[in-house]
Amino acid sequence: MKATGALFKLLSDEARLRLLRLLAVHDRRLNVTELTAILGLAQSGVSRHLGLLKDAGLVLEERGGGFTYYKVSPEIQNGRFPGLWPHLDAQFSAAAADPAVRADEARLQEVLRLRKENFETHGTEQHQMVPGRSWAAWSRALGLLLPPLTVADLGCGEGYLTLETARWAKRVVAIDRSNQVLARARSLASRRGVKNVVWRRGEIERLPLEDAAVDVALLSQALHHAADPPLAVREAARVLKPGGRLVVLDLRAHDQGWVREELGDRWPGFADEELARMLKGARLQDVVVRVGARLTGDPFTVLIACGTKNGSTQRNAKKAKDKD
């Protein structure tokens, strides 16, 4: 009876049940970092929960590819704990519509997408390891093909995209409304020795930049936080030089309401046509909207939108000046 009481006490914790459900329902191996991202808990807490579940014989630990992975112990399903698994399985199935479970599922799909993009296993039935292959390396290589441009990273957050852009740009102006976030971004840039970034506080609907100031404007996962997305797009177009380009990365319209409370999203993504209308409404030309990232079962699809500012005004002005 004492052992049974300890087992049920262990499973009385909601976080441990969420963790066990992730491993059981999907029959997957996940590491601590991945589980931390999915559950939204501190890594120390996730490690402690895993340790308790492992000690109780409910999960197993395996090593592979430099990581420690966890999976449900087959014994939980094979009768070591009589009656426990059918009860848990029924509860896990019944909880599918629970908002917390739906949020876990969405974050799981994002983790799986990142796994795929990082090529941890790639391309063959044998899951052949491909050392050195990554999207990060490819993006940096492609960046070297671009001319030295002045770029504005609008809604830069903690500056990860800013610093990647700084690898190939002549100059980057990074703008965010939060002084605290900008402080962390500056600190990261300092640690990495990046010196071609100017950090400015401002709203993306009212940019602290002059007209025609930059060659490229980036709005990466920023529009769904904007108070007025069409205005933010018009502001981005305003600061572009004639012939300059706006690039938008954002989510396609989705039904994941939890992101509003947990992540502060104001908008549940945008339809493809809606993004296109915003760019065209800002008088950008050659507007293209495409899928940037999508994974089967993932409720989040990343859209990429691009448009070019008309350069004819500048050319016509130059012609008129030449005639004079």
Protein backbone atom coordinates (compact mmCIF):
# COMPACT_ATOMS: atom_id res chain seq x y z
CA MET A 1 0.00 0.00 0.00
CA LYS A 2 2.86 2.35 0.78
CA ALA A 3 4.32 1.94 -2.72
CA THR A 4 0.91 2.50 -4.29
CA GLY A 5 0.42 5.66 -2.26
CA ALA A 6 3.82 6.98 -3.33
CA LEU A 7 3.02 6.26 -6.98
CA PHE A 8 -0.29 8.10 -6.90
CA LYS A 9 1.31 10.98 -5.02
CA LEU A 10 3.91 11.18 -7.77
CA LEU A 11 1.20 11.32 -10.43
CA SER A 12 -0.84 13.93 -8.59
CA ASP A 13 1.38 16.66 -10.00
CA GLU A 14 -0.02 18.25 -13.20
CA ALA A 15 3.41 19.00 -14.68
CA ARG A 16 4.48 15.36 -14.34
CA LEU A 17 1.24 14.22 -15.96
CA ARG A 18 1.77 16.63 -18.88
CA LEU A 19 5.32 15.37 -19.27
CA LEU A 20 4.27 11.71 -19.16
CA ARG A 21 1.45 12.37 -21.65
CA LEU A 22 3.88 13.92 -24.14
CA LEU A 23 6.15 10.91 -23.99
CA ALA A 24 3.35 8.34 -23.97
CA VAL A 25 0.86 9.62 -26.51
CA HIS A 26 3.48 10.29 -29.17
CA ASP A 27 5.78 7.39 -28.26
CA ARG A 28 8.74 9.72 -28.80
CA ARG A 29 12.11 10.33 -27.26
CA LEU A 30 12.53 13.93 -26.11
CA ASN A 31 15.43 15.59 -24.34
CA VAL A 32 15.32 18.00 -21.41
CA THR A 33 15.78 21.10 -23.56
CA GLU A 34 12.90 20.07 -25.81
CA LEU A 35 10.63 19.24 -22.89
CA THR A 36 11.49 22.56 -21.25
CA ALA A 37 10.44 24.43 -24.40
CA ILE A 38 7.20 22.45 -24.70
CA LEU A 39 6.10 22.65 -21.08
CA GLY A 40 7.24 26.23 -20.47
CA LEU A 41 8.88 25.24 -17.19
CA ALA A 42 12.35 25.87 -15.82
CA GLN A 43 14.91 23.32 -16.95
CA SER A 44 15.76 22.46 -13.35
CA GLY A 45 12.09 21.65 -12.69
CA VAL A 46 11.80 19.46 -15.78
CA SER A 47 14.97 17.59 -14.81
CA ARG A 48 13.63 17.03 -11.30
CA HIS A 49 10.29 15.70 -12.59
CA LEU A 50 12.09 13.38 -15.02
CA GLY A 51 14.31 12.10 -12.23
CA LEU A 52 11.30 11.24 -10.07
CA LEU A 53 9.50 9.51 -12.95
CA LYS A 54 12.66 7.60 -13.80
CA ASP A 55 13.15 6.47 -10.18
CA ALA A 56 9.56 5.21 -10.16
CA GLY A 57 10.19 3.19 -13.30
CA LEU A 58 7.77 5.21 -15.44
CA VAL A 59 10.32 6.63 -17.89
CA LEU A 60 13.63 5.44 -19.31
CA GLU A 61 16.76 7.40 -20.12
CA GLU A 62 18.68 6.82 -23.35
CA ARG A 63 21.71 8.53 -24.86
CA GLY A 64 22.22 9.32 -28.51
CA GLY A 65 23.82 11.97 -30.71
CA GLY A 66 25.30 13.77 -27.72
CA PHE A 67 21.91 14.15 -25.99
CA THR A 68 20.09 12.36 -23.20
CA TYR A 69 16.58 11.40 -24.26
CA TYR A 70 13.61 10.20 -22.23
CA LYS A 71 10.79 7.89 -23.22
CA VAL A 72 7.97 6.04 -21.48
CA SER A 73 9.07 2.75 -19.96
CA PRO A 74 7.48 -0.21 -21.79
CA GLU A 75 6.78 -1.69 -18.35
CA ILE A 76 4.12 0.90 -17.66
CA GLN A 77 2.15 -0.52 -20.59
CA ASN A 78 3.02 -4.16 -19.93
CA GLY A 79 1.44 -4.70 -16.55
CA ARG A 80 4.08 -3.72 -14.00
CA PHE A 81 1.54 -1.28 -12.58
CA PRO A 82 -1.76 -3.18 -12.92
CA GLY A 83 -4.62 -1.01 -14.12
CA LEU A 84 -2.51 2.16 -14.21
CA TRP A 85 -1.90 2.44 -17.93
CA PRO A 86 -5.54 1.97 -19.09
CA HIS A 87 -6.56 4.70 -16.66
CA LEU A 88 -3.80 7.09 -17.76
CA ASP A 89 -4.43 6.37 -21.43
CA ALA A 90 -8.13 7.17 -21.02
CA GLN A 91 -7.33 10.39 -19.17
CA PHE A 92 -4.78 11.47 -21.77
CA SER A 93 -7.31 10.92 -24.56
CA ALA A 94 -10.03 12.80 -22.69
CA ALA A 95 -7.70 15.77 -22.14
CA ALA A 96 -7.06 16.33 -25.86
CA ALA A 97 -9.32 19.41 -25.94
CA ASP A 98 -7.84 20.96 -22.78
CA PRO A 99 -6.21 24.36 -23.60
CA ALA A 100 -3.01 23.43 -21.75
CA VAL A 101 -2.74 20.17 -23.68
CA ARG A 102 -3.40 21.92 -26.99
CA ALA A 103 -0.64 24.38 -26.15
CA ASP A 104 1.73 21.49 -25.35
CA GLU A 105 0.85 19.89 -28.68
CA ALA A 106 1.52 23.08 -30.62
CA ARG A 107 4.90 23.56 -28.95
CA LEU A 108 5.76 19.91 -29.56
CA GLN A 109 5.19 20.40 -33.27
CA GLU A 110 7.45 23.45 -33.20
CA VAL A 111 10.17 21.38 -31.51
CA LEU A 112 9.79 18.70 -34.17
CA ARG A 113 10.00 21.34 -36.90
CA LEU A 114 13.23 22.66 -35.43
CA ARG A 115 14.60 19.14 -35.25
CA LYS A 116 13.89 18.69 -38.93
CA GLU A 117 15.38 22.04 -39.92
CA ASN A 118 18.51 21.40 -37.87
CA PHE A 119 19.06 18.12 -39.72
CA GLU A 120 19.69 16.16 -36.53
CA THR A 121 18.62 13.21 -38.65
CA HIS A 122 18.28 13.73 -42.34
CA GLY A 123 16.96 12.26 -45.46
CA THR A 124 17.46 8.49 -45.38
CA GLU A 125 15.67 5.49 -44.01
CA GLN A 126 18.70 4.84 -41.83
CA HIS A 127 18.52 8.38 -40.36
CA GLN A 128 22.07 9.04 -41.50
CA MET A 129 23.89 11.70 -39.54
CA VAL A 130 25.15 14.57 -41.70
CA PRO A 131 27.78 16.50 -39.70
CA GLY A 132 27.93 20.21 -40.44
CA ARG A 133 24.67 20.44 -42.37
CA SER A 134 22.35 23.12 -41.00
CA TRP A 135 20.02 25.87 -42.17
CA ALA A 136 22.03 28.38 -40.12
CA ALA A 137 25.17 27.64 -42.13
CA TRP A 138 23.27 27.87 -45.41
CA SER A 139 21.67 31.20 -44.48
CA ARG A 140 25.07 32.64 -43.57
CA ALA A 141 26.55 31.41 -46.83
CA LEU A 142 23.73 32.96 -48.86
CA GLY A 143 24.14 36.20 -46.94
CA LEU A 144 27.66 36.52 -48.33
CA LEU A 145 26.17 36.78 -51.84
CA LEU A 146 24.33 39.98 -50.94
CA PRO A 147 25.80 43.47 -51.39
CA PRO A 148 26.59 45.53 -48.28
CA LEU A 149 23.14 46.89 -47.41
CA THR A 150 21.63 49.03 -44.69
CA VAL A 151 18.97 46.95 -42.95
CA ALA A 152 16.29 47.75 -40.38
CA ASP A 153 15.20 44.94 -38.08
CA LEU A 154 11.79 46.12 -36.88
CA GLY A 155 10.59 44.58 -33.63
CA CYS A 156 14.02 43.03 -33.18
CA GLY A 157 13.36 41.41 -29.80
CA GLU A 158 16.51 40.03 -28.21
CA GLY A 159 18.46 40.48 -31.41
CA TYR A 160 19.13 36.98 -32.72
CA LEU A 161 18.07 37.80 -36.28
CA THR A 162 19.71 41.21 -35.95
CA LEU A 163 23.10 39.65 -35.25
CA GLU A 164 22.72 37.13 -38.07
CA THR A 165 21.89 40.00 -40.43
CA ALA A 166 24.91 41.95 -39.18
CA ARG A 167 27.15 39.22 -40.59
CA TRP A 168 26.47 40.40 -44.15
CA ALA A 169 24.89 43.87 -43.83
CA LYS A 170 26.89 47.09 -43.89
CA ARG A 171 24.79 48.46 -41.06
CA VAL A 172 21.74 47.28 -39.10
CA VAL A 173 19.28 49.49 -37.26
CA ALA A 174 17.48 47.36 -34.68
CA ILE A 175 14.27 48.76 -33.21
CA ASP A 176 12.13 47.47 -30.35
CA ARG A 177 9.68 49.08 -27.95
CA SER A 178 11.14 47.43 -24.82
CA ASN A 179 14.20 48.94 -23.15
CA GLN A 180 14.76 45.70 -21.22
CA VAL A 181 14.75 43.61 -24.39
CA LEU A 182 17.10 46.04 -26.11
CA ALA A 183 19.47 45.86 -23.13
CA ARG A 184 19.68 42.07 -23.49
CA ALA A 185 20.21 42.43 -27.24
CA ARG A 186 23.00 44.95 -26.73
CA SER A 187 24.64 42.64 -24.20
CA LEU A 188 24.50 39.73 -26.64
CA ALA A 189 26.00 41.88 -29.41
CA SER A 190 28.79 43.01 -27.08
CA ARG A 191 29.63 39.43 -26.11
CA ARG A 192 29.84 38.47 -29.77
CA GLY A 193 31.87 41.54 -30.75
CA VAL A 194 29.26 42.86 -33.20
CA LYS A 195 29.81 46.57 -33.86
CA ASN A 196 27.71 47.42 -36.94
CA VAL A 197 24.34 47.54 -35.17
CA VAL A 198 22.55 50.65 -33.94
CA TRP A 199 19.92 49.93 -31.27
CA ARG A 200 16.90 52.23 -30.99
CA ARG A 201 13.75 52.21 -28.91
CA GLY A 202 10.52 52.76 -30.82
CA GLU A 203 7.18 51.39 -31.94
CA ILE A 204 6.95 49.64 -35.29
CA GLU A 205 3.88 51.76 -36.07
CA ARG A 206 5.96 54.93 -35.54
CA LEU A 207 9.54 54.22 -36.47
CA PRO A 208 12.37 56.49 -35.28
CA LEU A 209 13.81 56.59 -38.81
CA GLU A 210 13.76 59.13 -41.62
CA ASP A 211 12.13 58.47 -44.96
CA ALA A 212 14.15 56.35 -47.42
CA ALA A 213 16.72 55.40 -44.79
CA VAL A 214 17.35 51.68 -45.44
CA ASP A 215 17.72 49.19 -48.27
CA VAL A 216 15.90 46.34 -46.52
CA ALA A 217 13.30 46.32 -43.76
CA LEU A 218 12.63 43.12 -41.81
CA LEU A 219 9.46 42.34 -39.86
CA SER A 220 10.15 38.91 -38.41
CA GLN A 221 7.38 37.56 -36.13
CA ALA A 222 6.57 41.16 -35.21
CA LEU A 223 3.30 41.90 -37.03
CA HIS A 224 1.19 39.65 -34.83
CA HIS A 225 2.31 41.79 -31.87
CA ALA A 226 1.50 45.09 -33.59
CA ALA A 227 -1.43 47.27 -32.47
CA ASP A 228 -2.06 48.17 -36.13
CA PRO A 229 -0.39 45.73 -38.57
CA PRO A 230 -1.27 47.63 -41.80
CA LEU A 231 0.19 50.82 -40.31
CA ALA A 232 3.35 48.95 -39.31
CA VAL A 233 3.74 47.74 -42.90
CA ARG A 234 3.22 51.29 -44.24
CA GLU A 235 5.85 52.57 -41.81
CA ALA A 236 8.29 49.90 -42.97
CA ALA A 237 7.65 50.93 -46.58
CA ARG A 238 8.17 54.60 -45.69
CA VAL A 239 11.71 54.05 -44.42
CA LEU A 240 12.72 52.05 -47.50
CA LYS A 241 14.82 53.63 -50.19
CA PRO A 242 13.32 53.51 -53.70
CA GLY A 243 14.00 50.00 -54.93
CA GLY A 244 14.34 48.76 -51.35
CA ARG A 245 12.59 45.62 -50.13
CA LEU A 246 10.39 44.70 -47.21
CA VAL A 247 10.55 41.11 -45.96
CA VAL A 248 7.89 39.85 -43.56
CA LEU A 249 8.00 36.54 -41.68
CA ASP A 250 4.86 35.83 -39.74
CA LEU A 251 2.33 33.16 -38.89
CA ARG A 252 -0.49 32.08 -41.13
CA ALA A 253 -3.91 32.45 -39.47
CA HIS A 254 -4.36 29.78 -36.77
CA ASP A 255 -6.73 28.80 -33.96
CA GLN A 256 -4.26 28.60 -31.08
CA GLY A 257 -5.84 31.03 -28.62
CA TRP A 258 -3.31 30.27 -25.86
CA VAL A 259 -0.64 32.37 -27.59
CA ARG A 260 -2.56 35.52 -26.73
CA GLU A 261 -2.21 34.98 -22.97
CA GLU A 262 1.10 33.13 -22.82
CA LEU A 263 3.06 34.95 -25.55
CA GLY A 264 1.27 38.28 -25.79
CA ASP A 265 0.19 37.87 -29.41
CA ARG A 266 -2.43 40.42 -30.48
CA TRP A 267 -3.36 38.70 -33.75
CA PRO A 268 -3.85 34.98 -34.50
CA GLY A 269 -1.67 35.13 -37.59
CA PHE A 270 -2.73 36.39 -41.00
CA ALA A 271 -4.26 34.89 -44.12
CA ASP A 272 -2.01 34.84 -47.18
CA GLU A 273 -4.29 37.29 -48.99
CA GLU A 274 -4.36 39.58 -45.95
CA LEU A 275 -0.58 39.87 -45.89
CA ALA A 276 -0.53 40.54 -49.63
CA ARG A 277 -3.13 43.31 -49.22
CA MET A 278 -1.07 44.96 -46.49
CA LEU A 279 2.03 45.13 -48.68
CA LYS A 280 0.10 46.32 -51.71
CA GLY A 281 -1.71 48.86 -49.53
CA ALA A 282 1.72 50.26 -48.63
CA ARG A 283 2.31 50.74 -52.40
CA LEU A 284 4.89 48.02 -52.63
CA GLN A 285 5.27 46.21 -55.92
CA ASP A 286 6.11 42.66 -57.00
CA VAL A 287 4.45 41.37 -53.85
CA VAL A 288 4.99 37.67 -53.16
CA VAL A 289 3.60 35.58 -50.29
CA ARG A 290 4.90 32.04 -49.81
CA VAL A 291 5.12 29.34 -47.16
CA GLY A 292 8.40 29.57 -45.29
CA ALA A 293 8.04 26.63 -42.89
CA ARG A 294 5.35 24.02 -42.36
CA LEU A 295 5.23 20.61 -40.69
CA THR A 296 2.41 18.09 -40.81
CA GLY A 297 0.40 18.33 -37.61
CA ASP A 298 1.91 21.69 -36.60
CA PRO A 299 -0.80 24.35 -36.15
CA PHE A 300 1.71 27.04 -37.01
CA THR A 301 2.76 27.77 -40.59
CA VAL A 302 5.33 30.50 -41.23
CA LEU A 303 4.60 32.77 -44.17
CA ILE A 304 7.18 34.86 -46.01
CA ALA A 305 6.00 38.02 -47.75
CA CYS A 306 8.16 40.34 -49.81
CA GLY A 307 7.55 43.56 -51.72
CA THR A 308 9.65 46.23 -53.45
CA LYS A 309 9.32 49.99 -53.14
CA ASN A 310 8.78 51.69 -56.47
CA GLY A 311 11.98 53.35 -57.63
CA SER A 312 10.38 55.34 -60.46
CA THR A 313 9.86 58.48 -58.36
CA GLN A 314 13.57 58.83 -57.74
CA ARG A 315 14.42 58.09 -61.36
CA ASN A 316 11.91 60.63 -62.64
CA ALA A 317 13.22 63.27 -60.28
CA LYS A 318 16.77 62.60 -61.48
CA LYS A 319 15.69 62.87 -65.12
CA ALA A 320 13.96 66.19 -64.45
CA LYS A 321 17.07 67.51 -62.70
CA ASP A 322 19.29 66.41 -65.59
CA LYS A 323 17.07 68.24 -68.08
CA ASP A 324 17.38 71.44 -66.07
